C-alpha atoms as a PDB file:
ATOM      1  CA  MET A   1       0.000   0.000   0.000  1.00  0.00           C
ATOM      2  CA  SER A   2       1.265   3.432  -0.927  1.00  0.00           C
ATOM      3  CA  ASP A   3       1.674   6.266   1.572  1.00  0.00           C
ATOM      4  CA  LEU A   4      -0.785   9.138   1.258  1.00  0.00           C
ATOM      5  CA  VAL A   5       0.053  12.824   1.637  1.00  0.00           C
ATOM      6  CA  THR A   6      -1.946  16.035   1.742  1.00  0.00           C
ATOM      7  CA  VAL A   7      -1.190  18.381  -1.174  1.00  0.00           C
ATOM      8  CA  GLY A   8      -3.780  21.046  -0.406  1.00  0.00           C
ATOM      9  CA  ASN A   9      -5.989  22.444   2.357  1.00  0.00           C
ATOM     10  CA  TYR A  10      -9.191  24.272   1.469  1.00  0.00           C
ATOM     11  CA  PHE A  11     -11.856  26.227   3.324  1.00  0.00           C
ATOM     12  CA  ASP A  12     -14.704  24.292   1.714  1.00  0.00           C
ATOM     13  CA  ARG A  13     -15.435  21.105  -0.169  1.00  0.00           C
ATOM     14  CA  MET A  14     -16.095  22.974  -3.437  1.00  0.00           C
ATOM     15  CA  GLY A  15     -12.560  24.392  -3.581  1.00  0.00           C
ATOM     16  CA  ALA A  16     -11.085  20.967  -2.890  1.00  0.00           C
ATOM     17  CA  GLU A  17     -13.267  19.318  -5.541  1.00  0.00           C
ATOM     18  CA  LEU A  18     -12.188  21.899  -8.131  1.00  0.00           C
ATOM     19  CA  ALA A  19      -8.537  21.201  -7.324  1.00  0.00           C
ATOM     20  CA  LYS A  20      -9.246  17.468  -7.515  1.00  0.00           C
ATOM     21  CA  GLY A  21     -10.569  18.055 -11.032  1.00  0.00           C
ATOM     22  CA  VAL A  22      -7.245  19.627 -12.029  1.00  0.00           C
ATOM     23  CA  LEU A  23      -5.461  16.485 -10.874  1.00  0.00           C
ATOM     24  CA  ASP A  24      -8.037  14.150 -12.443  1.00  0.00           C
ATOM     25  CA  VAL A  25      -7.482  15.706 -15.871  1.00  0.00           C
ATOM     26  CA  ASP A  26      -3.776  14.919 -15.577  1.00  0.00           C
ATOM     27  CA  GLY A  27      -4.413  11.347 -14.453  1.00  0.00           C
ATOM     28  CA  ILE A  28      -3.466  11.788 -10.799  1.00  0.00           C
ATOM     29  CA  GLU A  29      -5.722   9.837  -8.471  1.00  0.00           C
ATOM     30  CA  SER A  30      -6.752  11.899  -5.454  1.00  0.00           C
ATOM     31  CA  TYR A  31      -9.478  12.161  -2.907  1.00  0.00           C
ATOM     32  CA  VAL A  32     -11.075  14.815  -0.747  1.00  0.00           C
ATOM     33  CA  SER A  33     -11.139  14.350   3.016  1.00  0.00           C
ATOM     34  CA  ALA A  34     -13.418  16.484   5.160  1.00  0.00           C
ATOM     35  CA  ASP A  35     -14.672  15.991   8.688  1.00  0.00           C
ATOM     36  CA  ASP A  36     -18.074  17.571   8.039  1.00  0.00           C
ATOM     37  CA  THR A  37     -20.318  14.563   8.761  1.00  0.00           C
ATOM     38  CA  GLY A  38     -20.888  13.809   5.099  1.00  0.00           C
ATOM     39  CA  GLY A  39     -21.594  17.414   4.148  1.00  0.00           C
ATOM     40  CA  MET A  40     -24.392  17.768   6.702  1.00  0.00           C
ATOM     41  CA  ARG A  41     -22.397  20.043   9.031  1.00  0.00           C
ATOM     42  CA  PRO A  42     -19.996  22.182   6.964  1.00  0.00           C
ATOM     43  CA  SER A  43     -19.545  24.495   9.951  1.00  0.00           C
ATOM     44  CA  LEU A  44     -17.413  21.769  11.547  1.00  0.00           C
ATOM     45  CA  LEU A  45     -14.707  22.268   8.904  1.00  0.00           C
ATOM     46  CA  THR A  46     -13.273  25.352  10.583  1.00  0.00           C
ATOM     47  CA  GLY A  47     -12.440  23.502  13.771  1.00  0.00           C
ATOM     48  CA  ALA A  48     -11.367  20.321  11.989  1.00  0.00           C
ATOM     49  CA  GLY A  49      -8.650  21.925   9.867  1.00  0.00           C
ATOM     50  CA  GLY A  50     -10.621  22.396   6.676  1.00  0.00           C
ATOM     51  CA  VAL A  51     -10.854  20.117   3.677  1.00  0.00           C
ATOM     52  CA  ARG A  52      -7.777  18.177   2.571  1.00  0.00           C
ATOM     53  CA  LEU A  53      -6.816  17.015  -0.924  1.00  0.00           C
ATOM     54  CA  ILE A  54      -4.841  13.784  -0.657  1.00  0.00           C
ATOM     55  CA  VAL A  55      -2.689  11.902  -3.195  1.00  0.00           C
ATOM     56  CA  ARG A  56      -0.226   9.002  -3.212  1.00  0.00           C
ATOM     57  CA  ALA A  57       3.239  10.040  -2.028  1.00  0.00           C
ATOM     58  CA  GLU A  58       4.786   9.253  -5.412  1.00  0.00           C
ATOM     59  CA  ASP A  59       2.352  11.703  -7.092  1.00  0.00           C
ATOM     60  CA  ALA A  60       2.738  14.518  -4.539  1.00  0.00           C
ATOM     61  CA  GLU A  61       5.441  16.556  -6.283  1.00  0.00           C
ATOM     62  CA  ARG A  62       3.685  16.519  -9.658  1.00  0.00           C
ATOM     63  CA  ALA A  63       0.301  17.202  -8.043  1.00  0.00           C
ATOM     64  CA  SER A  64       1.672  20.176  -6.109  1.00  0.00           C
ATOM     65  CA  ALA A  65       3.230  21.596  -9.275  1.00  0.00           C
ATOM     66  CA  LEU A  66      -0.066  21.253 -11.169  1.00  0.00           C
ATOM     67  CA  LEU A  67      -2.009  22.937  -8.377  1.00  0.00           C
ATOM     68  CA  ARG A  68       0.504  25.813  -8.200  1.00  0.00           C
ATOM     69  CA  ALA A  69       0.320  26.305 -11.976  1.00  0.00           C
ATOM     70  CA  ASP A  70      -3.472  26.278 -11.844  1.00  0.00           C
ATOM     71  CA  ALA A  71      -3.550  28.794  -8.983  1.00  0.00           C
ATOM     72  CA  GLN A  72      -1.308  31.118 -10.996  1.00  0.00           C
ATOM     73  CA  GLY A  73      -3.497  30.774 -14.078  1.00  0.00           C
ATOM     74  CA  GLY A  74      -0.704  29.074 -15.988  1.00  0.00           C
ATOM     75  CA  GLU A  75      -0.708  26.045 -18.179  1.00  0.00           C
ATOM     76  CA  GLY A  76      -0.416  22.602 -16.674  1.00  0.00           C
ATOM     77  CA  VAL A  77       2.952  20.982 -16.106  1.00  0.00           C
ATOM     78  CA  GLY A  78       3.878  18.985 -19.181  1.00  0.00           C
ATOM     79  CA  ASP A  79       0.997  20.443 -21.211  1.00  0.00           C
ATOM     80  CA  GLU A  80       1.875  19.775 -24.830  1.00  0.00           C
ATOM     81  CA  THR A  81      -0.851  21.982 -26.251  1.00  0.00           C
ATOM     82  CA  PRO A  82       0.632  25.365 -27.195  1.00  0.00           C
ATOM     83  CA  ALA A  83      -1.125  28.498 -25.995  1.00  0.00           C
ATOM     84  CA  VAL A  84      -2.847  30.461 -28.754  1.00  0.00           C
END
């Protein structure tokens, strides 16, 4: 079994799911972890440390780079499609 690491912390589930989508497009398996009783009590997230985006340790460096590029509005790492 591979080790898991957190590559992002978010204030809400929506932000984490959007970031997960960035990783999904690039083929990086990830999942969102939130202690909000299945979405029924989102107010618990503040005290629980927010929402975490988690990936396998071997994908962490690439995932972090993709998330940084996305946050800066840049192209994805290794994107072979030229900007027009």
